[in-house]
PDB file of all heavy atoms in Angstrom:
ATOM      1  N   GLY A   1       0.814  -1.209   0.000  1.00  0.00           N
ATOM      2  CA  GLY A   1       0.000   0.000   0.000  1.00  0.00           C
ATOM      3  C   GLY A   1       0.848   1.260   0.000  1.00  0.00           C
ATOM      4  O   GLY A   1       1.769   1.401   0.791  1.00  0.00           O
ATOM      5  N   ILE A   2       0.543   2.139  -0.923  1.00  0.00           N
ATOM      6  CA  ILE A   2       1.259   3.403  -1.047  1.00  0.00           C
ATOM      7  C   ILE A   2       0.238   4.533  -0.984  1.00  0.00           C
ATOM      8  O   ILE A   2      -0.814   4.471  -1.613  1.00  0.00           O
ATOM      9  CB  ILE A   2       2.062   3.437  -2.365  1.00  0.00           C
ATOM     10  CG1 ILE A   2       3.167   2.383  -2.326  1.00  0.00           C
ATOM     11  CG2 ILE A   2       2.643   4.811  -2.604  1.00  0.00           C
ATOM     12  CD1 ILE A   2       4.018   2.311  -3.560  1.00  0.00           C
ATOM     13  N   ARG A   3       0.550   5.567  -0.203  1.00  0.00           N
ATOM     14  CA  ARG A   3      -0.329   6.728  -0.055  1.00  0.00           C
ATOM     15  C   ARG A   3       0.214   7.902  -0.870  1.00  0.00           C
ATOM     16  O   ARG A   3       1.379   8.258  -0.744  1.00  0.00           O
ATOM     17  CB  ARG A   3      -0.412   7.125   1.418  1.00  0.00           C
ATOM     18  CG  ARG A   3      -1.025   6.048   2.292  1.00  0.00           C
ATOM     19  CD  ARG A   3      -0.942   6.386   3.766  1.00  0.00           C
ATOM     20  NE  ARG A   3       0.400   6.600   4.274  1.00  0.00           N
ATOM     21  CZ  ARG A   3       1.266   5.629   4.591  1.00  0.00           C
ATOM     22  NH1 ARG A   3       0.954   4.369   4.412  1.00  0.00           N
ATOM     23  NH2 ARG A   3       2.458   5.913   5.091  1.00  0.00           N
ATOM     24  N   HIS A   4      -0.656   8.468  -1.690  1.00  0.00           N
ATOM     25  CA  HIS A   4      -0.273   9.615  -2.518  1.00  0.00           C
ATOM     26  C   HIS A   4      -0.335  10.888  -1.678  1.00  0.00           C
ATOM     27  O   HIS A   4      -1.288  11.110  -0.945  1.00  0.00           O
ATOM     28  CB  HIS A   4      -1.210   9.725  -3.723  1.00  0.00           C
ATOM     29  CG  HIS A   4      -0.898  10.866  -4.608  1.00  0.00           C
ATOM     30  ND1 HIS A   4       0.201  10.882  -5.433  1.00  0.00           N
ATOM     31  CD2 HIS A   4      -1.519  12.048  -4.772  1.00  0.00           C
ATOM     32  CE1 HIS A   4       0.225  12.038  -6.086  1.00  0.00           C
ATOM     33  NE2 HIS A   4      -0.804  12.754  -5.693  1.00  0.00           N
ATOM     34  N   HIS A   5       0.687  11.751  -1.792  1.00  0.00           N
ATOM     35  CA  HIS A   5       0.743  12.975  -0.997  1.00  0.00           C
ATOM     36  C   HIS A   5       0.689  14.257  -1.815  1.00  0.00           C
ATOM     37  O   HIS A   5       0.652  15.336  -1.236  1.00  0.00           O
ATOM     38  CB  HIS A   5       2.011  12.993  -0.140  1.00  0.00           C
ATOM     39  CG  HIS A   5       1.988  11.957   0.935  1.00  0.00           C
ATOM     40  ND1 HIS A   5       1.259  12.082   2.086  1.00  0.00           N
ATOM     41  CD2 HIS A   5       2.581  10.747   1.013  1.00  0.00           C
ATOM     42  CE1 HIS A   5       1.415  11.014   2.845  1.00  0.00           C
ATOM     43  NE2 HIS A   5       2.209  10.185   2.209  1.00  0.00           N
ATOM     44  N   GLY A   6       0.722  14.160  -3.116  1.00  0.00           N
ATOM     45  CA  GLY A   6       0.642  15.367  -3.923  1.00  0.00           C
ATOM     46  C   GLY A   6       1.671  15.373  -5.036  1.00  0.00           C
ATOM     47  O   GLY A   6       2.287  14.355  -5.356  1.00  0.00           O
ATOM     48  N   TYR A   7       1.830  16.565  -5.619  1.00  0.00           N
ATOM     49  CA  TYR A   7       2.730  16.724  -6.755  1.00  0.00           C
ATOM     50  C   TYR A   7       3.723  17.839  -6.470  1.00  0.00           C
ATOM     51  O   TYR A   7       3.460  18.737  -5.683  1.00  0.00           O
ATOM     52  CB  TYR A   7       1.938  17.061  -8.013  1.00  0.00           C
ATOM     53  CG  TYR A   7       0.999  15.967  -8.442  1.00  0.00           C
ATOM     54  CD1 TYR A   7      -0.345  15.999  -8.088  1.00  0.00           C
ATOM     55  CD2 TYR A   7       1.462  14.895  -9.186  1.00  0.00           C
ATOM     56  CE1 TYR A   7      -1.215  14.999  -8.470  1.00  0.00           C
ATOM     57  CE2 TYR A   7       0.603  13.874  -9.576  1.00  0.00           C
ATOM     58  CZ  TYR A   7      -0.728  13.937  -9.219  1.00  0.00           C
ATOM     59  OH  TYR A   7      -1.575  12.926  -9.591  1.00  0.00           O
ATOM     60  N   THR A   8       4.846  17.781  -7.156  1.00  0.00           N
ATOM     61  CA  THR A   8       5.844  18.842  -7.099  1.00  0.00           C
ATOM     62  C   THR A   8       6.441  18.976  -8.492  1.00  0.00           C
ATOM     63  O   THR A   8       6.000  18.331  -9.430  1.00  0.00           O
ATOM     64  CB  THR A   8       6.924  18.547  -6.033  1.00  0.00           C
ATOM     65  OG1 THR A   8       7.749  19.699  -5.870  1.00  0.00           O
ATOM     66  CG2 THR A   8       7.792  17.359  -6.401  1.00  0.00           C
ATOM     67  N   SER A   9       7.451  19.820  -8.628  1.00  0.00           N
ATOM     68  CA  SER A   9       8.129  20.016  -9.911  1.00  0.00           C
ATOM     69  C   SER A   9       9.634  19.993  -9.671  1.00  0.00           C
ATOM     70  O   SER A   9      10.102  20.040  -8.534  1.00  0.00           O
ATOM     71  CB  SER A   9       7.726  21.354 -10.526  1.00  0.00           C
ATOM     72  OG  SER A   9       8.191  22.413  -9.709  1.00  0.00           O
ATOM     73  N   PHE A  10      10.388  19.913 -10.767  1.00  0.00           N
ATOM     74  CA  PHE A  10      11.847  19.948 -10.640  1.00  0.00           C
ATOM     75  C   PHE A  10      12.300  21.261  -9.995  1.00  0.00           C
ATOM     76  O   PHE A  10      13.218  21.274  -9.188  1.00  0.00           O
ATOM     77  CB  PHE A  10      12.513  19.775 -12.008  1.00  0.00           C
ATOM     78  CG  PHE A  10      12.472  18.363 -12.524  1.00  0.00           C
ATOM     79  CD1 PHE A  10      11.678  18.027 -13.592  1.00  0.00           C
ATOM     80  CD2 PHE A  10      13.234  17.370 -11.934  1.00  0.00           C
ATOM     81  CE1 PHE A  10      11.645  16.723 -14.075  1.00  0.00           C
ATOM     82  CE2 PHE A  10      13.205  16.064 -12.391  1.00  0.00           C
ATOM     83  CZ  PHE A  10      12.405  15.746 -13.470  1.00  0.00           C
ATOM     84  N   GLU A  11      11.620  22.357 -10.344  1.00  0.00           N
ATOM     85  CA  GLU A  11      11.986  23.665  -9.792  1.00  0.00           C
ATOM     86  C   GLU A  11      11.802  23.696  -8.275  1.00  0.00           C
ATOM     87  O   GLU A  11      12.642  24.227  -7.553  1.00  0.00           O
ATOM     88  CB  GLU A  11      11.165  24.780 -10.450  1.00  0.00           C
ATOM     89  CG  GLU A  11      11.463  24.987 -11.918  1.00  0.00           C
ATOM     90  CD  GLU A  11      10.766  23.974 -12.827  1.00  0.00           C
ATOM     91  OE1 GLU A  11       9.767  23.344 -12.401  1.00  0.00           O
ATOM     92  OE2 GLU A  11      11.232  23.797 -13.960  1.00  0.00           O
ATOM     93  N   GLU A  12      10.696  23.126  -7.800  1.00  0.00           N
ATOM     94  CA  GLU A  12      10.454  23.102  -6.353  1.00  0.00           C
ATOM     95  C   GLU A  12      11.462  22.211  -5.642  1.00  0.00           C
ATOM     96  O   GLU A  12      11.901  22.534  -4.534  1.00  0.00           O
ATOM     97  CB  GLU A  12       9.034  22.634  -6.065  1.00  0.00           C
ATOM     98  CG  GLU A  12       7.977  23.646  -6.444  1.00  0.00           C
ATOM     99  CD  GLU A  12       6.568  23.122  -6.259  1.00  0.00           C
ATOM    100  OE1 GLU A  12       6.386  21.997  -5.769  1.00  0.00           O
ATOM    101  OE2 GLU A  12       5.627  23.868  -6.617  1.00  0.00           O
ATOM    102  N   LEU A  13      11.843  21.102  -6.265  1.00  0.00           N
ATOM    103  CA  LEU A  13      12.855  20.229  -5.661  1.00  0.00           C
ATOM    104  C   LEU A  13      14.204  20.946  -5.556  1.00  0.00           C
ATOM    105  O   LEU A  13      14.916  20.797  -4.565  1.00  0.00           O
ATOM    106  CB  LEU A  13      13.024  18.944  -6.479  1.00  0.00           C
ATOM    107  CG  LEU A  13      11.931  17.901  -6.331  1.00  0.00           C
ATOM    108  CD1 LEU A  13      12.182  16.748  -7.292  1.00  0.00           C
ATOM    109  CD2 LEU A  13      11.861  17.380  -4.903  1.00  0.00           C
ATOM    110  N   GLU A  14      14.548  21.723  -6.582  1.00  0.00           N
ATOM    111  CA  GLU A  14      15.823  22.444  -6.584  1.00  0.00           C
ATOM    112  C   GLU A  14      15.894  23.489  -5.470  1.00  0.00           C
ATOM    113  O   GLU A  14      16.973  23.857  -5.035  1.00  0.00           O
ATOM    114  CB  GLU A  14      16.046  23.124  -7.937  1.00  0.00           C
ATOM    115  CG  GLU A  14      16.343  22.141  -9.050  1.00  0.00           C
ATOM    116  CD  GLU A  14      16.350  22.786 -10.427  1.00  0.00           C
ATOM    117  OE1 GLU A  14      15.888  23.943 -10.571  1.00  0.00           O
ATOM    118  OE2 GLU A  14      16.813  22.123 -11.365  1.00  0.00           O
ATOM    119  N   GLN A  15      14.750  23.961  -4.979  1.00  0.00           N
ATOM    120  CA  GLN A  15      14.715  24.996  -3.947  1.00  0.00           C
ATOM    121  C   GLN A  15      14.680  24.434  -2.530  1.00  0.00           C
ATOM    122  O   GLN A  15      14.576  25.187  -1.570  1.00  0.00           O
ATOM    123  CB  GLN A  15      13.506  25.907  -4.175  1.00  0.00           C
ATOM    124  CG  GLN A  15      13.598  26.687  -5.454  1.00  0.00           C
ATOM    125  CD  GLN A  15      12.342  27.477  -5.749  1.00  0.00           C
ATOM    126  OE1 GLN A  15      11.396  27.465  -4.982  1.00  0.00           O
ATOM    127  NE2 GLN A  15      12.338  28.155  -6.881  1.00  0.00           N
ATOM    128  N   ARG A  16      14.800  23.108  -2.381  1.00  0.00           N
ATOM    129  CA  ARG A  16      14.802  22.490  -1.054  1.00  0.00           C
ATOM    130  C   ARG A  16      16.010  22.947  -0.242  1.00  0.00           C
ATOM    131  O   ARG A  16      17.023  23.359  -0.785  1.00  0.00           O
ATOM    132  CB  ARG A  16      14.863  20.966  -1.180  1.00  0.00           C
ATOM    133  CG  ARG A  16      13.608  20.351  -1.709  1.00  0.00           C
ATOM    134  CD  ARG A  16      13.767  18.880  -1.884  1.00  0.00           C
ATOM    135  NE  ARG A  16      14.127  18.228  -0.628  1.00  0.00           N
ATOM    136  CZ  ARG A  16      13.699  17.047  -0.260  1.00  0.00           C
ATOM    137  NH1 ARG A  16      12.913  16.364  -1.050  1.00  0.00           N
ATOM    138  NH2 ARG A  16      14.062  16.520   0.875  1.00  0.00           N
ATOM    139  N   ASP A  17      15.902  22.853   1.075  1.00  0.00           N
ATOM    140  CA  ASP A  17      16.999  23.226   1.951  1.00  0.00           C
ATOM    141  C   ASP A  17      18.199  22.299   1.790  1.00  0.00           C
ATOM    142  O   ASP A  17      19.335  22.734   1.825  1.00  0.00           O
ATOM    143  CB  ASP A  17      16.551  23.201   3.419  1.00  0.00           C
ATOM    144  CG  ASP A  17      15.568  24.316   3.727  1.00  0.00           C
ATOM    145  OD1 ASP A  17      15.603  25.341   3.025  1.00  0.00           O
ATOM    146  OD2 ASP A  17      14.776  24.154   4.661  1.00  0.00           O
ATOM    147  N   ASP A  18      17.954  21.013   1.618  1.00  0.00           N
ATOM    148  CA  ASP A  18      19.026  20.032   1.478  1.00  0.00           C
ATOM    149  C   ASP A  18      19.367  19.889  -0.010  1.00  0.00           C
ATOM    150  O   ASP A  18      18.794  19.069  -0.725  1.00  0.00           O
ATOM    151  CB  ASP A  18      18.598  18.683   2.068  1.00  0.00           C
ATOM    152  CG  ASP A  18      19.721  17.685   2.158  1.00  0.00           C
ATOM    153  OD1 ASP A  18      20.778  17.907   1.517  1.00  0.00           O
ATOM    154  OD2 ASP A  18      19.563  16.684   2.866  1.00  0.00           O
ATOM    155  N   LYS A  19      20.299  20.707  -0.484  1.00  0.00           N
ATOM    156  CA  LYS A  19      20.654  20.759  -1.913  1.00  0.00           C
ATOM    157  C   LYS A  19      21.235  19.437  -2.409  1.00  0.00           C
ATOM    158  O   LYS A  19      20.968  19.028  -3.536  1.00  0.00           O
ATOM    159  CB  LYS A  19      21.642  21.897  -2.186  1.00  0.00           C
ATOM    160  CG  LYS A  19      21.141  23.264  -1.822  1.00  0.00           C
ATOM    161  CD  LYS A  19      20.010  23.702  -2.720  1.00  0.00           C
ATOM    162  CE  LYS A  19      19.579  25.110  -2.354  1.00  0.00           C
ATOM    163  NZ  LYS A  19      18.353  25.507  -2.962  1.00  0.00           N
ATOM    164  N   ASP A  20      22.037  18.759  -1.583  1.00  0.00           N
ATOM    165  CA  ASP A  20      22.630  17.489  -2.010  1.00  0.00           C
ATOM    166  C   ASP A  20      21.561  16.429  -2.243  1.00  0.00           C
ATOM    167  O   ASP A  20      21.593  15.708  -3.234  1.00  0.00           O
ATOM    168  CB  ASP A  20      23.646  16.979  -0.975  1.00  0.00           C
ATOM    169  CG  ASP A  20      24.881  17.859  -0.904  1.00  0.00           C
ATOM    170  OD1 ASP A  20      25.215  18.494  -1.924  1.00  0.00           O
ATOM    171  OD2 ASP A  20      25.493  17.911   0.170  1.00  0.00           O
ATOM    172  N   LYS A  21      20.610  16.330  -1.331  1.00  0.00           N
ATOM    173  CA  LYS A  21      19.524  15.362  -1.468  1.00  0.00           C
ATOM    174  C   LYS A  21      18.673  15.692  -2.692  1.00  0.00           C
ATOM    175  O   LYS A  21      18.264  14.806  -3.437  1.00  0.00           O
ATOM    176  CB  LYS A  21      18.660  15.353  -0.211  1.00  0.00           C
ATOM    177  CG  LYS A  21      17.721  14.198  -0.124  1.00  0.00           C
ATOM    178  CD  LYS A  21      16.997  14.236   1.206  1.00  0.00           C
ATOM    179  CE  LYS A  21      16.736  12.846   1.704  1.00  0.00           C
ATOM    180  NZ  LYS A  21      16.125  12.832   3.021  1.00  0.00           N
ATOM    181  N   ALA A  22      18.415  16.984  -2.924  1.00  0.00           N
ATOM    182  CA  ALA A  22      17.644  17.409  -4.086  1.00  0.00           C
ATOM    183  C   ALA A  22      18.346  17.012  -5.378  1.00  0.00           C
ATOM    184  O   ALA A  22      17.706  16.527  -6.313  1.00  0.00           O
ATOM    185  CB  ALA A  22      17.411  18.913  -4.047  1.00  0.00           C
ATOM    186  N   ARG A  23      19.667  17.186  -5.442  1.00  0.00           N
ATOM    187  CA  ARG A  23      20.427  16.799  -6.647  1.00  0.00           C
ATOM    188  C   ARG A  23      20.344  15.304  -6.903  1.00  0.00           C
ATOM    189  O   ARG A  23      20.225  14.863  -8.044  1.00  0.00           O
ATOM    190  CB  ARG A  23      21.889  17.233  -6.524  1.00  0.00           C
ATOM    191  CG  ARG A  23      22.092  18.687  -6.831  1.00  0.00           C
ATOM    192  CD  ARG A  23      23.577  19.031  -6.908  1.00  0.00           C
ATOM    193  NE  ARG A  23      23.751  20.328  -6.284  1.00  0.00           N
ATOM    194  CZ  ARG A  23      24.412  20.569  -5.166  1.00  0.00           C
ATOM    195  NH1 ARG A  23      25.042  19.621  -4.552  1.00  0.00           N
ATOM    196  NH2 ARG A  23      24.465  21.777  -4.681  1.00  0.00           N
ATOM    197  N   ILE A  24      20.408  14.508  -5.837  1.00  0.00           N
ATOM    198  CA  ILE A  24      20.307  13.048  -5.968  1.00  0.00           C
ATOM    199  C   ILE A  24      18.927  12.668  -6.509  1.00  0.00           C
ATOM    200  O   ILE A  24      18.813  11.857  -7.430  1.00  0.00           O
ATOM    201  CB  ILE A  24      20.578  12.356  -4.612  1.00  0.00           C
ATOM    202  CG1 ILE A  24      22.037  12.513  -4.221  1.00  0.00           C
ATOM    203  CG2 ILE A  24      20.181  10.888  -4.669  1.00  0.00           C
ATOM    204  CD1 ILE A  24      22.336  12.126  -2.786  1.00  0.00           C
ATOM    205  N   ILE A  25      17.881  13.243  -5.937  1.00  0.00           N
ATOM    206  CA  ILE A  25      16.516  12.948  -6.374  1.00  0.00           C
ATOM    207  C   ILE A  25      16.333  13.321  -7.838  1.00  0.00           C
ATOM    208  O   ILE A  25      15.831  12.526  -8.641  1.00  0.00           O
ATOM    209  CB  ILE A  25      15.482  13.680  -5.491  1.00  0.00           C
ATOM    210  CG1 ILE A  25      15.533  13.143  -4.059  1.00  0.00           C
ATOM    211  CG2 ILE A  25      14.077  13.553  -6.074  1.00  0.00           C
ATOM    212  CD1 ILE A  25      14.772  13.979  -3.057  1.00  0.00           C
ATOM    213  N   ILE A  26      16.742  14.517  -8.220  1.00  0.00           N
ATOM    214  CA  ILE A  26      16.582  14.992  -9.597  1.00  0.00           C
ATOM    215  C   ILE A  26      17.373  14.119 -10.567  1.00  0.00           C
ATOM    216  O   ILE A  26      16.876  13.753 -11.634  1.00  0.00           O
ATOM    217  CB  ILE A  26      16.992  16.477  -9.705  1.00  0.00           C
ATOM    218  CG1 ILE A  26      15.971  17.335  -8.961  1.00  0.00           C
ATOM    219  CG2 ILE A  26      17.112  16.914 -11.161  1.00  0.00           C
ATOM    220  CD1 ILE A  26      16.401  18.771  -8.740  1.00  0.00           C
ATOM    221  N   SER A  27      18.586  13.755 -10.200  1.00  0.00           N
ATOM    222  CA  SER A  27      19.420  12.908 -11.053  1.00  0.00           C
ATOM    223  C   SER A  27      18.760  11.557 -11.317  1.00  0.00           C
ATOM    224  O   SER A  27      18.688  11.093 -12.455  1.00  0.00           O
ATOM    225  CB  SER A  27      20.789  12.713 -10.401  1.00  0.00           C
ATOM    226  OG  SER A  27      21.554  11.782 -11.120  1.00  0.00           O
ATOM    227  N   LYS A  28      18.248  10.922 -10.258  1.00  0.00           N
ATOM    228  CA  LYS A  28      17.588   9.620 -10.416  1.00  0.00           C
ATOM    229  C   LYS A  28      16.298   9.748 -11.223  1.00  0.00           C
ATOM    230  O   LYS A  28      15.979   8.877 -12.019  1.00  0.00           O
ATOM    231  CB  LYS A  28      17.306   8.998  -9.052  1.00  0.00           C
ATOM    232  CG  LYS A  28      18.551   8.483  -8.376  1.00  0.00           C
ATOM    233  CD  LYS A  28      18.212   7.795  -7.073  1.00  0.00           C
ATOM    234  CE  LYS A  28      19.474   7.293  -6.397  1.00  0.00           C
ATOM    235  NZ  LYS A  28      19.176   6.570  -5.156  1.00  0.00           N
ATOM    236  N   LEU A  29      15.545  10.825 -11.002  1.00  0.00           N
ATOM    237  CA  LEU A  29      14.309  11.027 -11.752  1.00  0.00           C
ATOM    238  C   LEU A  29      14.589  11.190 -13.239  1.00  0.00           C
ATOM    239  O   LEU A  29      13.871  10.634 -14.074  1.00  0.00           O
ATOM    240  CB  LEU A  29      13.544  12.237 -11.226  1.00  0.00           C
ATOM    241  CG  LEU A  29      12.836  12.056  -9.896  1.00  0.00           C
ATOM    242  CD1 LEU A  29      12.316  13.388  -9.389  1.00  0.00           C
ATOM    243  CD2 LEU A  29      11.704  11.051 -10.019  1.00  0.00           C
ATOM    244  N   LYS A  30      15.621  11.951 -13.583  1.00  0.00           N
ATOM    245  CA  LYS A  30      15.957  12.164 -14.992  1.00  0.00           C
ATOM    246  C   LYS A  30      16.500  10.888 -15.632  1.00  0.00           C
ATOM    247  O   LYS A  30      16.269  10.636 -16.801  1.00  0.00           O
ATOM    248  CB  LYS A  30      16.959  13.308 -15.131  1.00  0.00           C
ATOM    249  CG  LYS A  30      16.323  14.665 -14.875  1.00  0.00           C
ATOM    250  CD  LYS A  30      17.292  15.790 -15.067  1.00  0.00           C
ATOM    251  CE  LYS A  30      16.602  17.140 -14.865  1.00  0.00           C
ATOM    252  NZ  LYS A  30      17.515  18.263 -15.028  1.00  0.00           N
ATOM    253  N   GLU A  31      17.201  10.074 -14.853  1.00  0.00           N
ATOM    254  CA  GLU A  31      17.793   8.844 -15.373  1.00  0.00           C
ATOM    255  C   GLU A  31      16.765   7.713 -15.506  1.00  0.00           C
ATOM    256  O   GLU A  31      16.703   7.040 -16.530  1.00  0.00           O
ATOM    257  CB  GLU A  31      18.923   8.393 -14.448  1.00  0.00           C
ATOM    258  CG  GLU A  31      19.618   7.127 -14.883  1.00  0.00           C
ATOM    259  CD  GLU A  31      20.678   6.691 -13.892  1.00  0.00           C
ATOM    260  OE1 GLU A  31      21.219   7.546 -13.165  1.00  0.00           O
ATOM    261  OE2 GLU A  31      20.951   5.478 -13.852  1.00  0.00           O
ATOM    262  N   LYS A  32      15.953   7.509 -14.462  1.00  0.00           N
ATOM    263  CA  LYS A  32      15.078   6.342 -14.414  1.00  0.00           C
ATOM    264  C   LYS A  32      13.589   6.662 -14.379  1.00  0.00           C
ATOM    265  O   LYS A  32      12.762   5.773 -14.532  1.00  0.00           O
ATOM    266  CB  LYS A  32      15.412   5.496 -13.190  1.00  0.00           C
ATOM    267  CG  LYS A  32      16.826   4.978 -13.213  1.00  0.00           C
ATOM    268  CD  LYS A  32      17.133   4.173 -11.983  1.00  0.00           C
ATOM    269  CE  LYS A  32      18.572   3.691 -12.047  1.00  0.00           C
ATOM    270  NZ  LYS A  32      18.918   2.881 -10.896  1.00  0.00           N
ATOM    271  N   GLY A  33      13.233   7.906 -14.084  1.00  0.00           N
ATOM    272  CA  GLY A  33      11.828   8.272 -13.991  1.00  0.00           C
ATOM    273  C   GLY A  33      11.224   8.028 -12.616  1.00  0.00           C
ATOM    274  O   GLY A  33      10.070   8.354 -12.370  1.00  0.00           O
ATOM    275  N   ILE A  34      11.995   7.422 -11.712  1.00  0.00           N
ATOM    276  CA  ILE A  34      11.519   7.165 -10.345  1.00  0.00           C
ATOM    277  C   ILE A  34      12.704   7.243  -9.388  1.00  0.00           C
ATOM    278  O   ILE A  34      13.829   6.955  -9.763  1.00  0.00           O
ATOM    279  CB  ILE A  34      10.809   5.797 -10.237  1.00  0.00           C
ATOM    280  CG1 ILE A  34      10.083   5.682  -8.888  1.00  0.00           C
ATOM    281  CG2 ILE A  34      11.763   4.663 -10.476  1.00  0.00           C
ATOM    282  CD1 ILE A  34       9.104   4.541  -8.812  1.00  0.00           C
ATOM    283  N   CYS A  35      12.426   7.654  -8.169  1.00  0.00           N
ATOM    284  CA  CYS A  35      13.447   7.703  -7.117  1.00  0.00           C
ATOM    285  C   CYS A  35      12.784   7.225  -5.829  1.00  0.00           C
ATOM    286  O   CYS A  35      11.730   7.720  -5.455  1.00  0.00           O
ATOM    287  CB  CYS A  35      13.980   9.127  -6.943  1.00  0.00           C
ATOM    288  SG  CYS A  35      15.181   9.283  -5.617  1.00  0.00           S
ATOM    289  N   VAL A  36      13.399   6.250  -5.188  1.00  0.00           N
ATOM    290  CA  VAL A  36      12.865   5.705  -3.942  1.00  0.00           C
ATOM    291  C   VAL A  36      13.895   5.944  -2.843  1.00  0.00           C
ATOM    292  O   VAL A  36      15.038   5.518  -2.957  1.00  0.00           O
ATOM    293  CB  VAL A  36      12.569   4.189  -4.072  1.00  0.00           C
ATOM    294  CG1 VAL A  36      12.016   3.649  -2.772  1.00  0.00           C
ATOM    295  CG2 VAL A  36      11.634   3.920  -5.228  1.00  0.00           C
ATOM    296  N   LEU A  37      13.491   6.649  -1.792  1.00  0.00           N
ATOM    297  CA  LEU A  37      14.373   6.944  -0.675  1.00  0.00           C
ATOM    298  C   LEU A  37      13.783   6.351   0.609  1.00  0.00           C
ATOM    299  O   LEU A  37      12.617   6.586   0.915  1.00  0.00           O
ATOM    300  CB  LEU A  37      14.541   8.444  -0.490  1.00  0.00           C
ATOM    301  CG  LEU A  37      15.155   9.204  -1.656  1.00  0.00           C
ATOM    302  CD1 LEU A  37      15.139  10.698  -1.365  1.00  0.00           C
ATOM    303  CD2 LEU A  37      16.572   8.742  -1.910  1.00  0.00           C
ATOM    304  N   PRO A  38      14.560   5.574   1.353  1.00  0.00           N
ATOM    305  CA  PRO A  38      14.047   5.022   2.608  1.00  0.00           C
ATOM    306  C   PRO A  38      13.816   6.119   3.645  1.00  0.00           C
ATOM    307  O   PRO A  38      14.499   7.139   3.645  1.00  0.00           O
ATOM    308  CB  PRO A  38      15.150   4.071   3.062  1.00  0.00           C
ATOM    309  CG  PRO A  38      16.389   4.554   2.381  1.00  0.00           C
ATOM    310  CD  PRO A  38      15.949   5.209   1.112  1.00  0.00           C
ATOM    311  N   ILE A  39      12.845   5.902   4.511  1.00  0.00           N
ATOM    312  CA  ILE A  39      12.583   6.812   5.620  1.00  0.00           C
ATOM    313  C   ILE A  39      13.349   6.268   6.819  1.00  0.00           C
ATOM    314  O   ILE A  39      13.126   5.130   7.245  1.00  0.00           O
ATOM    315  CB  ILE A  39      11.076   6.906   5.929  1.00  0.00           C
ATOM    316  CG1 ILE A  39      10.334   7.458   4.717  1.00  0.00           C
ATOM    317  CG2 ILE A  39      10.834   7.764   7.168  1.00  0.00           C
ATOM    318  CD1 ILE A  39       8.821   7.447   4.859  1.00  0.00           C
ATOM    319  N   LYS A  40      14.237   7.081   7.363  1.00  0.00           N
ATOM    320  CA  LYS A  40      15.082   6.648   8.474  1.00  0.00           C
ATOM    321  C   LYS A  40      14.223   6.189   9.663  1.00  0.00           C
ATOM    322  O   LYS A  40      13.301   6.877  10.081  1.00  0.00           O
ATOM    323  CB  LYS A  40      15.992   7.798   8.895  1.00  0.00           C
ATOM    324  CG  LYS A  40      17.042   7.412   9.896  1.00  0.00           C
ATOM    325  CD  LYS A  40      17.981   8.567  10.183  1.00  0.00           C
ATOM    326  CE  LYS A  40      19.065   8.147  11.128  1.00  0.00           C
ATOM    327  NZ  LYS A  40      20.040   9.196  11.333  1.00  0.00           N
ATOM    328  N   GLY A  41      14.532   4.989  10.183  1.00  0.00           N
ATOM    329  CA  GLY A  41      13.822   4.451  11.328  1.00  0.00           C
ATOM    330  C   GLY A  41      12.469   3.845  10.990  1.00  0.00           C
ATOM    331  O   GLY A  41      11.657   3.602  11.871  1.00  0.00           O
ATOM    332  N   SER A  42      12.222   3.597   9.701  1.00  0.00           N
ATOM    333  CA  SER A  42      10.931   3.068   9.270  1.00  0.00           C
ATOM    334  C   SER A  42      11.146   2.027   8.168  1.00  0.00           C
ATOM    335  O   SER A  42      12.183   2.007   7.520  1.00  0.00           O
ATOM    336  CB  SER A  42      10.066   4.210   8.721  1.00  0.00           C
ATOM    337  OG  SER A  42       8.865   3.715   8.183  1.00  0.00           O
ATOM    338  N   VAL A  43      10.156   1.184   7.963  1.00  0.00           N
ATOM    339  CA  VAL A  43      10.217   0.239   6.850  1.00  0.00           C
ATOM    340  C   VAL A  43       9.616   0.855   5.590  1.00  0.00           C
ATOM    341  O   VAL A  43       9.671   0.254   4.521  1.00  0.00           O
ATOM    342  CB  VAL A  43       9.482  -1.090   7.180  1.00  0.00           C
ATOM    343  CG1 VAL A  43      10.185  -1.807   8.305  1.00  0.00           C
ATOM    344  CG2 VAL A  43       8.027  -0.843   7.507  1.00  0.00           C
ATOM    345  N   GLU A  44       9.043   2.044   5.703  1.00  0.00           N
ATOM    346  CA  GLU A  44       8.443   2.730   4.567  1.00  0.00           C
ATOM    347  C   GLU A  44       9.485   3.525   3.791  1.00  0.00           C
ATOM    348  O   GLU A  44      10.604   3.743   4.262  1.00  0.00           O
ATOM    349  CB  GLU A  44       7.318   3.659   5.023  1.00  0.00           C
ATOM    350  CG  GLU A  44       6.134   2.928   5.597  1.00  0.00           C
ATOM    351  CD  GLU A  44       4.963   3.847   5.851  1.00  0.00           C
ATOM    352  OE1 GLU A  44       5.128   5.084   5.844  1.00  0.00           O
ATOM    353  OE2 GLU A  44       3.864   3.315   6.045  1.00  0.00           O
TER     354      GLU A  44
END
């Protein structure tokens, strides 16, 4: 089960506080079309 939380854009991702994480997300999205990041301390 996956819960949808909304939409964003590449521009909004680039403006995040954590620039390194944003670059990783954008790079994976452009390469594969999807990016999956684990939530620390969770199985989700």
